Amino acid sequence: MARQDGSAGFTHRTVLGPAGRIHLVEQGTGPLVLLVHGFPESWYSWRRQLPALAAAGYRAVALDVRGYGRSAKPAATDAYRMLDLVEDNVAVVHALGEESAVVVGHDWGATIAANSGLVRPDVFRAVGMLSVPYVPRGGPRPGEVFAGMGGGEEFYVSYFQEPGRAEAEIEPDVRGWLAGFYAALSADTMAGPGAPDPHFVGAGGTLRDRFPEGPLPGWLGETDLDVYAGEFERTGFTGALNRYRNMDRDWADLAAYDGAPLKQPSLFVGGTEDASTMWLADAIEAFPATLPGLVSSHLLDGCGHWVQQERPEETNRLLVHWLARVTPAGSRSG
């Protein structure tokens, strides 16, 4: 069933996926471009891209990832493994009457997009990644790597592992926690050099202890924050956090793809002030080997983690230019 949101020109619909309903928001007609959000967000993180892609001649579709928003939230922790999320994306493409699509993701969505292209190249013919570059599967088990980071402090991925632990920090004040988390990773509000790293938890502390105090980031209005907070106040955070709780399962599930390059035409856009691009600088340097189909790679100067929200016009321009090369408007999507 579809619902037209007249105020923004968006059409909301739900389709059936392997775990139940998947909520989608779409705008435009033309070749299908599937937009996949990260943590802790929703389809709403693509609100500035949907109309731009539609105006350029594409059918832009942003989904609520399993566990978020108005999509299904299975109870089992292991229902959030990467291969399940790939199959959700495939189900969306087919439910929309298409055989193939371009997939673009941000943060965890970038990893989901990359693995969608890796596992189902028959469906996903081009892959765009924002903030988090492609890193082929390999190396030690992720849980072991993250447990060894930080010295006497705990890396946030490890902090998220125990069911209920991070929820106990976040859910008493969802709106305040989100505001702080978004601010901590935004270029205009993140703490300065020498401040404690907000990606780590001190002994006996919480992530929130290191969030900056002050105004919201420039890209995040009070109404925007209300939208994000309203969804998580309704759903809780367990579905979103379960993505982190499956990283070791993903490592095992994807063993057949160890070291595999992503061969489709691809795009990467990151921010120079984003820890993801700093920590994974070697992965970006390795793109000639790991992304042999790379069309273009961009680091936006002075941009933090929330690339398409911090720098929407520039992101839109890069996306449209890339799409014109890999799937011109007016071409068939299937």
C-alpha atoms as a PDB file:
ATOM      1  CA  MET A   1       0.000   0.000   0.000  1.00  0.00           C
ATOM      2  CA  ALA A   2       1.287   3.459  -0.914  1.00  0.00           C
ATOM      3  CA  ARG A   3       0.670   6.763   0.850  1.00  0.00           C
ATOM      4  CA  GLN A   4       1.464  10.101  -0.738  1.00  0.00           C
ATOM      5  CA  ASP A   5       3.111  12.690   1.487  1.00  0.00           C
ATOM      6  CA  GLY A   6       1.945  15.830  -0.256  1.00  0.00           C
ATOM      7  CA  SER A   7       4.049  18.202   1.823  1.00  0.00           C
ATOM      8  CA  ALA A   8       7.302  16.784   0.514  1.00  0.00           C
ATOM      9  CA  GLY A   9       6.290  14.934  -2.633  1.00  0.00           C
ATOM     10  CA  PHE A  10       7.302  11.619  -1.086  1.00  0.00           C
ATOM     11  CA  THR A  11       5.335   8.404  -1.473  1.00  0.00           C
ATOM     12  CA  HIS A  12       5.449   6.052   1.511  1.00  0.00           C
ATOM     13  CA  ARG A  13       4.810   2.360   0.969  1.00  0.00           C
ATOM     14  CA  THR A  14       5.474  -0.990   2.560  1.00  0.00           C
ATOM     15  CA  VAL A  15       6.581  -4.131   0.743  1.00  0.00           C
ATOM     16  CA  LEU A  16       7.065  -7.663   1.997  1.00  0.00           C
ATOM     17  CA  GLY A  17      10.586  -8.803   2.801  1.00  0.00           C
ATOM     18  CA  PRO A  18      11.994 -12.031   4.238  1.00  0.00           C
ATOM     19  CA  ALA A  19      11.388 -10.865   7.831  1.00  0.00           C
ATOM     20  CA  GLY A  20       8.124  -8.995   7.215  1.00  0.00           C
ATOM     21  CA  ARG A  21       7.365  -5.461   6.126  1.00  0.00           C
ATOM     22  CA  ILE A  22       9.940  -3.056   4.724  1.00  0.00           C
ATOM     23  CA  HIS A  23       9.016   0.620   4.784  1.00  0.00           C
ATOM     24  CA  LEU A  24      10.057   2.649   1.745  1.00  0.00           C
ATOM     25  CA  VAL A  25       9.886   6.297   0.759  1.00  0.00           C
ATOM     26  CA  GLU A  26      10.186   7.111  -2.914  1.00  0.00           C
ATOM     27  CA  GLN A  27      10.135   9.964  -5.353  1.00  0.00           C
ATOM     28  CA  GLY A  28      10.566  10.188  -9.116  1.00  0.00           C
ATOM     29  CA  THR A  29      10.530   7.844 -12.065  1.00  0.00           C
ATOM     30  CA  GLY A  30      13.332   6.287 -14.060  1.00  0.00           C
ATOM     31  CA  PRO A  31      16.156   3.867 -13.217  1.00  0.00           C
ATOM     32  CA  LEU A  32      15.894   2.637  -9.623  1.00  0.00           C
ATOM     33  CA  VAL A  33      18.354   3.995  -7.043  1.00  0.00           C
ATOM     34  CA  LEU A  34      18.074   2.338  -3.630  1.00  0.00           C
ATOM     35  CA  LEU A  35      19.274   4.439  -0.667  1.00  0.00           C
ATOM     36  CA  VAL A  36      20.332   2.652   2.533  1.00  0.00           C
ATOM     37  CA  HIS A  37      20.861   4.565   5.801  1.00  0.00           C
ATOM     38  CA  GLY A  38      23.224   3.932   8.686  1.00  0.00           C
ATOM     39  CA  PHE A  39      23.243   4.167  12.496  1.00  0.00           C
ATOM     40  CA  PRO A  40      21.365   5.760  14.182  1.00  0.00           C
ATOM     41  CA  GLU A  41      19.156   7.082  11.401  1.00  0.00           C
ATOM     42  CA  SER A  42      16.248   6.148   9.111  1.00  0.00           C
ATOM     43  CA  TRP A  43      15.026   6.788   5.580  1.00  0.00           C
ATOM     44  CA  TYR A  44      14.831  10.442   6.657  1.00  0.00           C
ATOM     45  CA  SER A  45      18.603  10.839   6.330  1.00  0.00           C
ATOM     46  CA  TRP A  46      18.036  10.861   2.526  1.00  0.00           C
ATOM     47  CA  ARG A  47      15.370  13.605   2.596  1.00  0.00           C
ATOM     48  CA  ARG A  48      17.637  15.984   0.665  1.00  0.00           C
ATOM     49  CA  GLN A  49      18.668  13.373  -1.908  1.00  0.00           C
ATOM     50  CA  LEU A  50      15.231  12.019  -2.861  1.00  0.00           C
ATOM     51  CA  PRO A  51      14.020  15.176  -4.643  1.00  0.00           C
ATOM     52  CA  ALA A  52      17.413  15.839  -6.244  1.00  0.00           C
ATOM     53  CA  LEU A  53      17.636  12.350  -7.717  1.00  0.00           C
ATOM     54  CA  ALA A  54      14.004  12.482  -8.814  1.00  0.00           C
ATOM     55  CA  ALA A  55      14.625  15.795 -10.574  1.00  0.00           C
ATOM     56  CA  ALA A  56      17.587  14.211 -12.371  1.00  0.00           C
ATOM     57  CA  GLY A  57      15.387  11.459 -13.799  1.00  0.00           C
ATOM     58  CA  TYR A  58      15.689   8.623 -11.295  1.00  0.00           C
ATOM     59  CA  ARG A  59      13.316   6.593  -9.161  1.00  0.00           C
ATOM     60  CA  ALA A  60      14.868   7.274  -5.777  1.00  0.00           C
ATOM     61  CA  VAL A  61      13.824   4.917  -2.970  1.00  0.00           C
ATOM     62  CA  ALA A  62      14.994   5.198   0.648  1.00  0.00           C
ATOM     63  CA  LEU A  63      14.180   2.361   3.025  1.00  0.00           C
ATOM     64  CA  ASP A  64      14.044   1.859   6.746  1.00  0.00           C
ATOM     65  CA  VAL A  65      16.621  -0.877   7.321  1.00  0.00           C
ATOM     66  CA  ARG A  66      15.403  -3.948   9.209  1.00  0.00           C
ATOM     67  CA  GLY A  67      15.102  -3.015  12.889  1.00  0.00           C
ATOM     68  CA  TYR A  68      14.494   0.687  12.209  1.00  0.00           C
ATOM     69  CA  GLY A  69      11.507   2.929  11.763  1.00  0.00           C
ATOM     70  CA  ARG A  70       8.464   1.264  10.263  1.00  0.00           C
ATOM     71  CA  SER A  71      10.225  -1.834   8.966  1.00  0.00           C
ATOM     72  CA  ALA A  72      10.055  -5.244  10.649  1.00  0.00           C
ATOM     73  CA  LYS A  73      12.000  -5.779  13.874  1.00  0.00           C
ATOM     74  CA  PRO A  74      12.637  -9.496  14.418  1.00  0.00           C
ATOM     75  CA  ALA A  75      13.251 -10.466  18.042  1.00  0.00           C
ATOM     76  CA  ALA A  76      16.260 -12.710  17.433  1.00  0.00           C
ATOM     77  CA  THR A  77      19.644 -11.010  17.577  1.00  0.00           C
ATOM     78  CA  ASP A  78      20.975 -13.133  14.729  1.00  0.00           C
ATOM     79  CA  ALA A  79      18.168 -11.951  12.424  1.00  0.00           C
ATOM     80  CA  TYR A  80      20.276  -8.874  11.652  1.00  0.00           C
ATOM     81  CA  ARG A  81      23.223 -10.525   9.938  1.00  0.00           C
ATOM     82  CA  MET A  82      24.552  -8.985   6.758  1.00  0.00           C
ATOM     83  CA  LEU A  83      23.230 -11.659   4.415  1.00  0.00           C
ATOM     84  CA  ASP A  84      19.702 -11.042   5.720  1.00  0.00           C
ATOM     85  CA  LEU A  85      20.010  -7.326   5.003  1.00  0.00           C
ATOM     86  CA  VAL A  86      21.280  -8.047   1.500  1.00  0.00           C
ATOM     87  CA  GLU A  87      18.216 -10.186   0.876  1.00  0.00           C
ATOM     88  CA  ASP A  88      15.996  -7.374   2.172  1.00  0.00           C
ATOM     89  CA  ASN A  89      17.494  -5.109  -0.495  1.00  0.00           C
ATOM     90  CA  VAL A  90      16.907  -7.742  -3.173  1.00  0.00           C
ATOM     91  CA  ALA A  91      13.304  -8.111  -2.008  1.00  0.00           C
ATOM     92  CA  VAL A  92      12.766  -4.362  -2.332  1.00  0.00           C
ATOM     93  CA  VAL A  93      14.061  -4.282  -5.900  1.00  0.00           C
ATOM     94  CA  HIS A  94      11.808  -7.146  -6.944  1.00  0.00           C
ATOM     95  CA  ALA A  95       8.781  -5.841  -5.032  1.00  0.00           C
ATOM     96  CA  LEU A  96       9.105  -2.576  -6.956  1.00  0.00           C
ATOM     97  CA  GLY A  97       8.883  -4.496 -10.231  1.00  0.00           C
ATOM     98  CA  GLU A  98      12.549  -4.150 -11.155  1.00  0.00           C
ATOM     99  CA  GLU A  99      15.241  -6.688 -11.898  1.00  0.00           C
ATOM    100  CA  SER A 100      18.209  -4.514 -10.953  1.00  0.00           C
ATOM    101  CA  ALA A 101      19.138  -1.256  -9.252  1.00  0.00           C
ATOM    102  CA  VAL A 102      21.935   1.035  -8.238  1.00  0.00           C
ATOM    103  CA  VAL A 103      22.472   0.890  -4.472  1.00  0.00           C
ATOM    104  CA  VAL A 104      23.902   3.750  -2.397  1.00  0.00           C
ATOM    105  CA  GLY A 105      24.546   3.590   1.337  1.00  0.00           C
ATOM    106  CA  HIS A 106      25.849   5.721   4.188  1.00  0.00           C
ATOM    107  CA  ASP A 107      27.688   4.469   7.306  1.00  0.00           C
ATOM    108  CA  TRP A 108      26.420   0.924   7.963  1.00  0.00           C
ATOM    109  CA  GLY A 109      24.340   1.425   4.843  1.00  0.00           C
ATOM    110  CA  ALA A 110      27.569   1.768   2.848  1.00  0.00           C
ATOM    111  CA  THR A 111      28.696  -1.635   4.098  1.00  0.00           C
ATOM    112  CA  ILE A 112      25.268  -3.108   3.381  1.00  0.00           C
ATOM    113  CA  ALA A 113      25.376  -1.591  -0.116  1.00  0.00           C
ATOM    114  CA  ALA A 114      28.870  -2.942  -0.765  1.00  0.00           C
ATOM    115  CA  ASN A 115      27.922  -6.431   0.362  1.00  0.00           C
ATOM    116  CA  SER A 116      24.733  -6.270  -1.676  1.00  0.00           C
ATOM    117  CA  GLY A 117      26.859  -5.656  -4.741  1.00  0.00           C
ATOM    118  CA  LEU A 118      29.367  -8.320  -3.736  1.00  0.00           C
ATOM    119  CA  VAL A 119      26.849 -11.077  -3.008  1.00  0.00           C
ATOM    120  CA  ARG A 120      24.199 -10.193  -5.611  1.00  0.00           C
ATOM    121  CA  PRO A 121      25.953  -8.600  -8.598  1.00  0.00           C
ATOM    122  CA  ASP A 122      23.050  -9.840 -10.724  1.00  0.00           C
ATOM    123  CA  VAL A 123      20.756  -7.364  -8.949  1.00  0.00           C
ATOM    124  CA  PHE A 124      23.011  -4.455  -7.943  1.00  0.00           C
ATOM    125  CA  ARG A 125      24.830  -3.134 -10.978  1.00  0.00           C
ATOM    126  CA  ALA A 126      26.555  -0.139  -9.341  1.00  0.00           C
ATOM    127  CA  VAL A 127      27.432   0.736  -5.739  1.00  0.00           C
ATOM    128  CA  GLY A 128      27.832   4.107  -4.017  1.00  0.00           C
ATOM    129  CA  MET A 129      29.342   4.390  -0.525  1.00  0.00           C
ATOM    130  CA  LEU A 130      29.269   7.417   1.749  1.00  0.00           C
ATOM    131  CA  SER A 131      31.536   7.818   4.813  1.00  0.00           C
ATOM    132  CA  VAL A 132      32.602   4.169   5.131  1.00  0.00           C
ATOM    133  CA  PRO A 133      34.885   2.847   2.374  1.00  0.00           C
ATOM    134  CA  TYR A 134      34.852  -0.695   1.056  1.00  0.00           C
ATOM    135  CA  VAL A 135      36.972  -3.040   3.153  1.00  0.00           C
ATOM    136  CA  PRO A 136      37.125  -6.628   1.854  1.00  0.00           C
ATOM    137  CA  ARG A 137      36.363  -9.366   4.324  1.00  0.00           C
ATOM    138  CA  GLY A 138      39.511 -10.747   5.930  1.00  0.00           C
ATOM    139  CA  GLY A 139      41.852 -10.657   8.862  1.00  0.00           C
ATOM    140  CA  PRO A 140      41.069 -11.762  12.429  1.00  0.00           C
ATOM    141  CA  ARG A 141      37.559 -12.068  13.815  1.00  0.00           C
ATOM    142  CA  PRO A 142      36.202  -8.506  14.260  1.00  0.00           C
ATOM    143  CA  GLY A 143      35.305  -8.987  17.915  1.00  0.00           C
ATOM    144  CA  GLU A 144      38.937  -9.756  18.693  1.00  0.00           C
ATOM    145  CA  VAL A 145      40.131  -6.670  16.825  1.00  0.00           C
ATOM    146  CA  PHE A 146      37.721  -4.289  18.549  1.00  0.00           C
ATOM    147  CA  ALA A 147      38.396  -5.768  21.981  1.00  0.00           C
ATOM    148  CA  GLY A 148      42.072  -4.908  21.545  1.00  0.00           C
ATOM    149  CA  MET A 149      41.460  -1.259  20.720  1.00  0.00           C
ATOM    150  CA  GLY A 150      41.589   1.634  23.149  1.00  0.00           C
ATOM    151  CA  GLY A 151      43.963   0.341  25.794  1.00  0.00           C
ATOM    152  CA  GLY A 152      42.217   1.008  29.090  1.00  0.00           C
ATOM    153  CA  GLU A 153      39.147   2.363  27.321  1.00  0.00           C
ATOM    154  CA  GLU A 154      36.429   0.451  25.480  1.00  0.00           C
ATOM    155  CA  PHE A 155      35.746   0.941  21.784  1.00  0.00           C
ATOM    156  CA  TYR A 156      32.115   1.797  21.046  1.00  0.00           C
ATOM    157  CA  VAL A 157      31.593  -1.330  18.886  1.00  0.00           C
ATOM    158  CA  SER A 158      32.586  -3.522  21.836  1.00  0.00           C
ATOM    159  CA  TYR A 159      30.398  -1.408  24.126  1.00  0.00           C
ATOM    160  CA  PHE A 160      27.429  -2.127  21.857  1.00  0.00           C
ATOM    161  CA  GLN A 161      27.863  -5.909  21.974  1.00  0.00           C
ATOM    162  CA  GLU A 162      26.061  -6.831  25.197  1.00  0.00           C
ATOM    163  CA  PRO A 163      22.266  -6.780  24.683  1.00  0.00           C
ATOM    164  CA  GLY A 164      20.641  -4.140  26.827  1.00  0.00           C
ATOM    165  CA  ARG A 165      23.797  -2.336  27.899  1.00  0.00           C
ATOM    166  CA  ALA A 166      23.801   0.531  25.398  1.00  0.00           C
ATOM    167  CA  GLU A 167      20.000   0.605  25.440  1.00  0.00           C
ATOM    168  CA  ALA A 168      20.156   1.391  29.163  1.00  0.00           C
ATOM    169  CA  GLU A 169      22.255   4.466  28.373  1.00  0.00           C
ATOM    170  CA  ILE A 170      20.262   5.687  25.382  1.00  0.00           C
ATOM    171  CA  GLU A 171      16.593   4.978  25.953  1.00  0.00           C
ATOM    172  CA  PRO A 172      15.931   7.097  29.076  1.00  0.00           C
ATOM    173  CA  ASP A 173      16.646  10.225  26.959  1.00  0.00           C
ATOM    174  CA  VAL A 174      16.548   9.298  23.295  1.00  0.00           C
ATOM    175  CA  ARG A 175      16.334  12.851  21.980  1.00  0.00           C
ATOM    176  CA  GLY A 176      19.202  14.123  24.108  1.00  0.00           C
ATOM    177  CA  TRP A 177      21.411  11.139  23.297  1.00  0.00           C
ATOM    178  CA  LEU A 178      20.816  11.459  19.568  1.00  0.00           C
ATOM    179  CA  ALA A 179      21.537  15.187  19.652  1.00  0.00           C
ATOM    180  CA  GLY A 180      24.844  14.518  21.369  1.00  0.00           C
ATOM    181  CA  PHE A 181      25.814  11.641  19.116  1.00  0.00           C
ATOM    182  CA  TYR A 182      25.066  13.585  15.947  1.00  0.00           C
ATOM    183  CA  ALA A 183      26.969  16.591  17.290  1.00  0.00           C
ATOM    184  CA  ALA A 184      29.991  14.484  18.273  1.00  0.00           C
ATOM    185  CA  LEU A 185      30.492  13.364  14.670  1.00  0.00           C
ATOM    186  CA  SER A 186      29.549  16.600  12.869  1.00  0.00           C
ATOM    187  CA  ALA A 187      32.358  18.837  11.650  1.00  0.00           C
ATOM    188  CA  ASP A 188      30.838  22.037  13.037  1.00  0.00           C
ATOM    189  CA  THR A 189      30.152  20.735  16.551  1.00  0.00           C
ATOM    190  CA  MET A 190      32.663  17.951  17.251  1.00  0.00           C
ATOM    191  CA  ALA A 191      35.123  18.427  20.090  1.00  0.00           C
ATOM    192  CA  GLY A 192      38.472  19.968  19.252  1.00  0.00           C
ATOM    193  CA  PRO A 193      41.895  18.319  19.140  1.00  0.00           C
ATOM    194  CA  GLY A 194      42.970  16.846  22.448  1.00  0.00           C
ATOM    195  CA  ALA A 195      39.440  16.217  23.728  1.00  0.00           C
ATOM    196  CA  PRO A 196      38.557  12.651  24.796  1.00  0.00           C
ATOM    197  CA  ASP A 197      37.531  10.568  21.783  1.00  0.00           C
ATOM    198  CA  PRO A 198      33.736  10.055  21.724  1.00  0.00           C
ATOM    199  CA  HIS A 199      34.197   6.654  20.039  1.00  0.00           C
ATOM    200  CA  PHE A 200      35.552   5.231  23.302  1.00  0.00           C
ATOM    201  CA  VAL A 201      34.053   4.658  26.739  1.00  0.00           C
ATOM    202  CA  GLY A 202      36.058   5.282  29.890  1.00  0.00           C
ATOM    203  CA  ALA A 203      36.069   2.801  32.741  1.00  0.00           C
ATOM    204  CA  GLY A 204      32.618   2.725  34.300  1.00  0.00           C
ATOM    205  CA  GLY A 205      31.406   5.445  31.947  1.00  0.00           C
ATOM    206  CA  THR A 206      29.115   5.875  28.974  1.00  0.00           C
ATOM    207  CA  LEU A 207      29.470   7.172  25.443  1.00  0.00           C
ATOM    208  CA  ARG A 208      27.397  10.200  26.360  1.00  0.00           C
ATOM    209  CA  ASP A 209      30.037  11.327  28.844  1.00  0.00           C
ATOM    210  CA  ARG A 210      32.082  12.549  25.867  1.00  0.00           C
ATOM    211  CA  PHE A 211      29.403  14.127  23.728  1.00  0.00           C
ATOM    212  CA  PRO A 212      29.854  17.871  23.203  1.00  0.00           C
ATOM    213  CA  GLU A 213      27.513  20.286  24.912  1.00  0.00           C
ATOM    214  CA  GLY A 214      26.112  23.185  22.960  1.00  0.00           C
ATOM    215  CA  PRO A 215      23.999  23.886  19.878  1.00  0.00           C
ATOM    216  CA  LEU A 216      22.809  21.320  17.379  1.00  0.00           C
ATOM    217  CA  PRO A 217      24.867  20.819  14.222  1.00  0.00           C
ATOM    218  CA  GLY A 218      23.997  23.205  11.429  1.00  0.00           C
ATOM    219  CA  TRP A 219      22.397  20.444   9.345  1.00  0.00           C
ATOM    220  CA  LEU A 220      20.103  19.274  12.159  1.00  0.00           C
ATOM    221  CA  GLY A 221      17.060  21.396  12.901  1.00  0.00           C
ATOM    222  CA  GLU A 222      14.798  20.835  15.899  1.00  0.00           C
ATOM    223  CA  THR A 223      12.161  19.366  13.583  1.00  0.00           C
ATOM    224  CA  ASP A 224      14.688  16.957  12.084  1.00  0.00           C
ATOM    225  CA  LEU A 225      15.735  15.835  15.545  1.00  0.00           C
ATOM    226  CA  ASP A 226      12.077  15.361  16.451  1.00  0.00           C
ATOM    227  CA  VAL A 227      11.659  12.991  13.502  1.00  0.00           C
ATOM    228  CA  TYR A 228      14.644  10.854  14.433  1.00  0.00           C
ATOM    229  CA  ALA A 229      13.842  10.837  18.138  1.00  0.00           C
ATOM    230  CA  GLY A 230      10.179  10.055  17.540  1.00  0.00           C
ATOM    231  CA  GLU A 231      11.031   6.920  15.594  1.00  0.00           C
ATOM    232  CA  PHE A 232      13.506   5.607  18.166  1.00  0.00           C
ATOM    233  CA  GLU A 233      11.243   6.467  21.092  1.00  0.00           C
ATOM    234  CA  ARG A 234       8.621   4.285  19.430  1.00  0.00           C
ATOM    235  CA  THR A 235      10.887   1.404  18.388  1.00  0.00           C
ATOM    236  CA  GLY A 236      13.703   1.391  20.924  1.00  0.00           C
ATOM    237  CA  PHE A 237      17.322   0.865  19.894  1.00  0.00           C
ATOM    238  CA  THR A 238      17.736  -2.904  20.034  1.00  0.00           C
ATOM    239  CA  GLY A 239      17.032  -3.503  16.343  1.00  0.00           C
ATOM    240  CA  ALA A 240      19.558  -0.858  15.336  1.00  0.00           C
ATOM    241  CA  LEU A 241      22.223  -2.085  17.761  1.00  0.00           C
ATOM    242  CA  ASN A 242      21.776  -5.693  16.654  1.00  0.00           C
ATOM    243  CA  ARG A 243      23.670  -4.797  13.462  1.00  0.00           C
ATOM    244  CA  TYR A 244      26.810  -4.424  15.589  1.00  0.00           C
ATOM    245  CA  ARG A 245      26.040  -7.667  17.408  1.00  0.00           C
ATOM    246  CA  ASN A 246      26.346  -9.673  14.206  1.00  0.00           C
ATOM    247  CA  MET A 247      29.780  -8.618  13.010  1.00  0.00           C
ATOM    248  CA  ASP A 248      31.427 -11.903  13.992  1.00  0.00           C
ATOM    249  CA  ARG A 249      28.590 -13.848  12.354  1.00  0.00           C
ATOM    250  CA  ASP A 250      29.077 -11.778   9.198  1.00  0.00           C
ATOM    251  CA  TRP A 251      32.792 -12.577   9.232  1.00  0.00           C
ATOM    252  CA  ALA A 252      31.921 -16.283   9.232  1.00  0.00           C
ATOM    253  CA  ASP A 253      29.038 -16.011   6.768  1.00  0.00           C
ATOM    254  CA  LEU A 254      31.141 -14.129   4.206  1.00  0.00           C
ATOM    255  CA  ALA A 255      34.201 -16.392   4.358  1.00  0.00           C
ATOM    256  CA  ALA A 256      33.776 -17.320   0.692  1.00  0.00           C
ATOM    257  CA  TYR A 257      34.339 -13.651  -0.203  1.00  0.00           C
ATOM    258  CA  ASP A 258      37.602 -13.252   1.692  1.00  0.00           C
ATOM    259  CA  GLY A 259      39.642 -10.516   0.008  1.00  0.00           C
ATOM    260  CA  ALA A 260      37.169 -10.222  -2.860  1.00  0.00           C
ATOM    261  CA  PRO A 261      37.125  -6.980  -4.861  1.00  0.00           C
ATOM    262  CA  LEU A 262      33.859  -5.186  -5.582  1.00  0.00           C
ATOM    263  CA  LYS A 263      33.837  -5.038  -9.358  1.00  0.00           C
ATOM    264  CA  GLN A 264      30.796  -2.927 -10.246  1.00  0.00           C
ATOM    265  CA  PRO A 265      31.078   0.768 -11.136  1.00  0.00           C
ATOM    266  CA  SER A 266      31.431   2.451  -7.756  1.00  0.00           C
ATOM    267  CA  LEU A 267      31.581   5.800  -5.969  1.00  0.00           C
ATOM    268  CA  PHE A 268      33.003   6.848  -2.619  1.00  0.00           C
ATOM    269  CA  VAL A 269      32.334  10.128  -0.830  1.00  0.00           C
ATOM    270  CA  GLY A 270      33.711  10.825   2.643  1.00  0.00           C
ATOM    271  CA  GLY A 271      34.542  13.732   4.904  1.00  0.00           C
ATOM    272  CA  THR A 272      38.023  14.821   5.911  1.00  0.00           C
ATOM    273  CA  GLU A 273      36.868  15.290   9.515  1.00  0.00           C
ATOM    274  CA  ASP A 274      35.227  11.867   9.756  1.00  0.00           C
ATOM    275  CA  ALA A 275      36.967   9.260  11.908  1.00  0.00           C
ATOM    276  CA  SER A 276      35.825   6.600   9.431  1.00  0.00           C
ATOM    277  CA  THR A 277      37.981   8.042   6.661  1.00  0.00           C
ATOM    278  CA  MET A 278      40.904   8.619   9.019  1.00  0.00           C
ATOM    279  CA  TRP A 279      40.918   5.120  10.510  1.00  0.00           C
ATOM    280  CA  LEU A 280      40.314   3.518   7.115  1.00  0.00           C
ATOM    281  CA  ALA A 281      42.737   5.639   5.122  1.00  0.00           C
ATOM    282  CA  ASP A 282      44.565   2.462   4.057  1.00  0.00           C
ATOM    283  CA  ALA A 283      41.301   1.069   2.673  1.00  0.00           C
ATOM    284  CA  ILE A 284      40.857   4.212   0.576  1.00  0.00           C
ATOM    285  CA  GLU A 285      44.430   3.920  -0.666  1.00  0.00           C
ATOM    286  CA  ALA A 286      43.694   0.322  -1.671  1.00  0.00           C
ATOM    287  CA  PHE A 287      40.749   1.249  -3.904  1.00  0.00           C
ATOM    288  CA  PRO A 288      42.642   0.543  -7.164  1.00  0.00           C
ATOM    289  CA  ALA A 289      42.779  -3.118  -6.088  1.00  0.00           C
ATOM    290  CA  THR A 290      39.577  -3.455  -4.054  1.00  0.00           C
ATOM    291  CA  LEU A 291      37.318  -1.326  -6.292  1.00  0.00           C
ATOM    292  CA  PRO A 292      38.518  -2.009  -9.839  1.00  0.00           C
ATOM    293  CA  GLY A 293      35.335  -0.413 -11.193  1.00  0.00           C
ATOM    294  CA  LEU A 294      35.747   2.803  -9.188  1.00  0.00           C
ATOM    295  CA  VAL A 295      34.429   5.780 -11.154  1.00  0.00           C
ATOM    296  CA  SER A 296      35.321   8.498  -8.636  1.00  0.00           C
ATOM    297  CA  SER A 297      36.343   9.000  -5.019  1.00  0.00           C
ATOM    298  CA  HIS A 298      35.965  12.254  -3.092  1.00  0.00           C
ATOM    299  CA  LEU A 299      36.921  13.560   0.344  1.00  0.00           C
ATOM    300  CA  LEU A 300      34.923  16.671   1.199  1.00  0.00           C
ATOM    301  CA  ASP A 301      37.091  19.155   3.031  1.00  0.00           C
ATOM    302  CA  GLY A 302      35.768  20.144   6.445  1.00  0.00           C
ATOM    303  CA  CYS A 303      32.952  17.587   6.403  1.00  0.00           C
ATOM    304  CA  GLY A 304      32.201  15.175   9.230  1.00  0.00           C
ATOM    305  CA  HIS A 305      30.446  11.819   9.289  1.00  0.00           C
ATOM    306  CA  TRP A 306      26.922  12.765   8.169  1.00  0.00           C
ATOM    307  CA  VAL A 307      28.016  13.461   4.597  1.00  0.00           C
ATOM    308  CA  GLN A 308      24.716  13.714   2.726  1.00  0.00           C
ATOM    309  CA  GLN A 309      23.165  15.813   5.512  1.00  0.00           C
ATOM    310  CA  GLU A 310      26.139  18.055   6.269  1.00  0.00           C
ATOM    311  CA  ARG A 311      26.848  18.710   2.583  1.00  0.00           C
ATOM    312  CA  PRO A 312      23.636  17.878   0.693  1.00  0.00           C
ATOM    313  CA  GLU A 313      24.157  20.018  -2.412  1.00  0.00           C
ATOM    314  CA  GLU A 314      27.693  18.766  -2.991  1.00  0.00           C
ATOM    315  CA  THR A 315      26.678  15.165  -2.313  1.00  0.00           C
ATOM    316  CA  ASN A 316      23.741  15.470  -4.698  1.00  0.00           C
ATOM    317  CA  ARG A 317      25.963  16.872  -7.432  1.00  0.00           C
ATOM    318  CA  LEU A 318      28.439  14.015  -7.049  1.00  0.00           C
ATOM    319  CA  LEU A 319      25.686  11.398  -6.987  1.00  0.00           C
ATOM    320  CA  VAL A 320      23.939  12.743 -10.074  1.00  0.00           C
ATOM    321  CA  HIS A 321      27.198  13.049 -12.006  1.00  0.00           C
ATOM    322  CA  TRP A 322      28.139   9.460 -11.101  1.00  0.00           C
ATOM    323  CA  LEU A 323      24.681   8.119 -11.905  1.00  0.00           C
ATOM    324  CA  ALA A 324      24.763   9.782 -15.300  1.00  0.00           C
ATOM    325  CA  ARG A 325      27.855   7.753 -16.076  1.00  0.00           C
ATOM    326  CA  VAL A 326      26.728   4.388 -14.698  1.00  0.00           C
ATOM    327  CA  THR A 327      22.977   4.410 -15.420  1.00  0.00           C
ATOM    328  CA  PRO A 328      21.832   7.394 -17.479  1.00  0.00           C
ATOM    329  CA  ALA A 329      18.357   8.761 -16.779  1.00  0.00           C
ATOM    330  CA  GLY A 330      15.962   7.381 -19.363  1.00  0.00           C
ATOM    331  CA  SER A 331      17.697   3.992 -19.500  1.00  0.00           C
ATOM    332  CA  ARG A 332      15.847   0.872 -18.425  1.00  0.00           C
ATOM    333  CA  SER A 333      16.379  -0.204 -14.817  1.00  0.00           C
ATOM    334  CA  GLY A 334      15.625  -3.860 -15.289  1.00  0.00           C
END
